[in-house]
Amino acid sequence: QSQYLEYQPIALKKLAIDTKAIELDIPPLADTGNSIPFTIKLIAPADRLIQSFEIIAPENPFPMVLRGKIPKASKNYQFSTRIRLALSQDVWVIVTLDNGQKIANSVPSVVTLNACFDAT
């Protein structure tokens, strides 16, 4: 687990939060963590472009859900997928801008039936 220290909730809360640039849509309550719809809408701050993004679920056994690189840096980007959540938690999106700056936002989701189990 030590290799995932950068994805621990305490470390994530130190990132610059930008709720205007990163809009997240996930059901606030999910019956099961097996397949939860998740949409992100990204709008780069003024004079910046979006290079990449990461979806992080810090309470999952493997917190990195997805890492996406945008082939051509863009001002706007939208992405939809389904994710697995081990348990109720805040799901984070971290965006890297063209100047290397990282901005983030998170949204909570309550899972009533776990999808991932740690082997310990």
Protein backbone atom coordinates (compact mmCIF):
# COMPACT_ATOMS: atom_id res chain seq x y z
CA GLN A 1 0.00 0.00 0.00
CA SER A 2 2.96 2.36 0.52
CA GLN A 3 3.33 2.85 -3.24
CA TYR A 4 -0.07 4.57 -3.23
CA LEU A 5 0.72 7.23 -0.61
CA GLU A 6 0.08 10.05 -3.09
CA TYR A 7 -3.51 8.77 -3.44
CA GLN A 8 -4.33 8.76 0.28
CA PRO A 9 -7.17 11.12 1.29
CA ILE A 10 -4.83 13.34 3.31
CA ALA A 11 -2.47 13.84 0.34
CA LEU A 12 -5.37 14.42 -2.08
CA LYS A 13 -6.86 17.16 0.11
CA LYS A 14 -3.63 19.17 -0.32
CA LEU A 15 -4.28 19.59 -4.07
CA ALA A 16 -5.72 22.82 -5.47
CA ILE A 17 -9.49 22.28 -5.65
CA ASP A 18 -11.27 23.76 -8.67
CA THR A 19 -15.00 23.00 -8.81
CA LYS A 20 -15.54 25.27 -11.83
CA ALA A 21 -12.94 23.56 -14.02
CA ILE A 22 -13.82 19.98 -13.01
CA GLU A 23 -17.46 18.92 -12.92
CA LEU A 24 -18.12 15.37 -11.67
CA ASP A 25 -21.30 13.35 -12.02
CA ILE A 26 -21.67 10.10 -10.06
CA PRO A 27 -24.73 8.69 -8.28
CA PRO A 28 -24.64 9.77 -4.62
CA LEU A 29 -25.99 6.32 -3.66
CA ALA A 30 -25.11 3.08 -5.47
CA ASP A 31 -26.68 -0.30 -4.71
CA THR A 32 -23.45 -2.06 -5.62
CA GLY A 33 -19.89 -0.90 -6.26
CA ASN A 34 -19.53 -3.20 -9.28
CA SER A 35 -20.37 -0.74 -12.04
CA ILE A 36 -21.09 2.90 -11.21
CA PRO A 37 -21.62 5.41 -14.05
CA PHE A 38 -19.21 8.32 -13.83
CA THR A 39 -18.91 11.40 -16.05
CA ILE A 40 -16.32 14.15 -15.90
CA LYS A 41 -16.55 17.50 -17.68
CA LEU A 42 -13.34 19.52 -17.80
CA ILE A 43 -13.00 23.20 -18.68
CA ALA A 44 -9.47 24.57 -18.53
CA PRO A 45 -8.90 27.82 -16.64
CA ALA A 46 -8.20 30.93 -18.72
CA ASP A 47 -5.12 30.70 -20.99
CA ARG A 48 -4.55 27.01 -20.12
CA LEU A 49 -5.12 23.66 -21.86
CA ILE A 50 -5.88 20.23 -20.40
CA GLN A 51 -3.16 17.61 -20.98
CA SER A 52 -4.28 14.63 -18.88
CA PHE A 53 -6.50 13.46 -16.05
CA GLU A 54 -6.60 10.73 -13.41
CA ILE A 55 -9.58 9.17 -11.65
CA ILE A 56 -8.68 8.12 -8.10
CA ALA A 57 -10.68 6.02 -5.63
CA PRO A 58 -8.40 6.20 -2.55
CA GLU A 59 -10.22 3.49 -0.56
CA ASN A 60 -9.95 0.87 -3.34
CA PRO A 61 -7.21 -1.79 -3.03
CA PHE A 62 -5.67 -0.17 -6.15
CA PRO A 63 -6.60 3.54 -5.97
CA MET A 64 -5.71 4.49 -9.57
CA VAL A 65 -8.94 3.82 -11.47
CA LEU A 66 -7.93 5.42 -14.75
CA ARG A 67 -5.21 7.64 -16.19
CA GLY A 68 -6.07 9.39 -19.45
CA LYS A 69 -3.84 11.49 -21.70
CA ILE A 70 -5.58 13.79 -24.12
CA PRO A 71 -3.86 13.35 -27.52
CA LYS A 72 -4.16 17.03 -28.43
CA ALA A 73 -4.29 19.42 -25.46
CA SER A 74 -7.76 20.87 -25.27
CA LYS A 75 -9.70 23.68 -23.61
CA ASN A 76 -12.73 21.41 -22.94
CA TYR A 77 -13.02 17.67 -22.50
CA GLN A 78 -15.79 15.27 -21.47
CA PHE A 79 -15.43 11.61 -20.58
CA SER A 80 -17.92 8.97 -19.39
CA THR A 81 -17.19 5.52 -18.04
CA ARG A 82 -18.19 3.08 -15.32
CA ILE A 83 -16.01 2.52 -12.28
CA ARG A 84 -15.74 0.01 -9.42
CA LEU A 85 -15.72 1.15 -5.83
CA ALA A 86 -14.66 -1.04 -2.92
CA LEU A 87 -16.73 0.98 -0.46
CA SER A 88 -18.28 4.38 0.18
CA GLN A 89 -15.70 7.09 -0.50
CA ASP A 90 -14.86 10.33 -2.26
CA VAL A 91 -13.90 9.79 -5.90
CA TRP A 92 -11.23 12.23 -7.11
CA VAL A 93 -10.29 13.60 -10.52
CA ILE A 94 -6.86 15.20 -10.87
CA VAL A 95 -6.23 17.24 -14.00
CA THR A 96 -2.79 18.21 -15.30
CA LEU A 97 -2.70 21.45 -17.28
CA ASP A 98 -0.26 22.39 -20.04
CA ASN A 99 1.93 24.32 -17.56
CA GLY A 100 2.26 21.27 -15.28
CA GLN A 101 -0.16 22.61 -12.66
CA LYS A 102 -2.48 20.03 -11.08
CA ILE A 103 -6.03 20.84 -10.07
CA ALA A 104 -8.56 18.48 -8.52
CA ASN A 105 -12.13 17.94 -7.45
CA SER A 106 -13.92 15.15 -5.62
CA VAL A 107 -17.43 13.85 -5.17
CA PRO A 108 -18.77 11.41 -2.55
CA SER A 109 -20.54 8.16 -3.40
CA VAL A 110 -22.16 5.82 -0.89
CA VAL A 111 -21.94 2.13 -1.82
CA THR A 112 -24.33 -0.27 -0.10
CA LEU A 113 -22.65 -3.51 -1.37
CA ASN A 114 -18.86 -3.74 -1.79
CA ALA A 115 -17.35 -4.62 -5.18
CA CYS A 116 -13.63 -5.03 -4.39
CA PHE A 117 -12.18 -7.05 -1.59
CA ASP A 118 -8.64 -6.90 -0.29
CA ALA A 119 -6.99 -10.35 -0.21
CA THR A 120 -5.77 -9.89 3.38
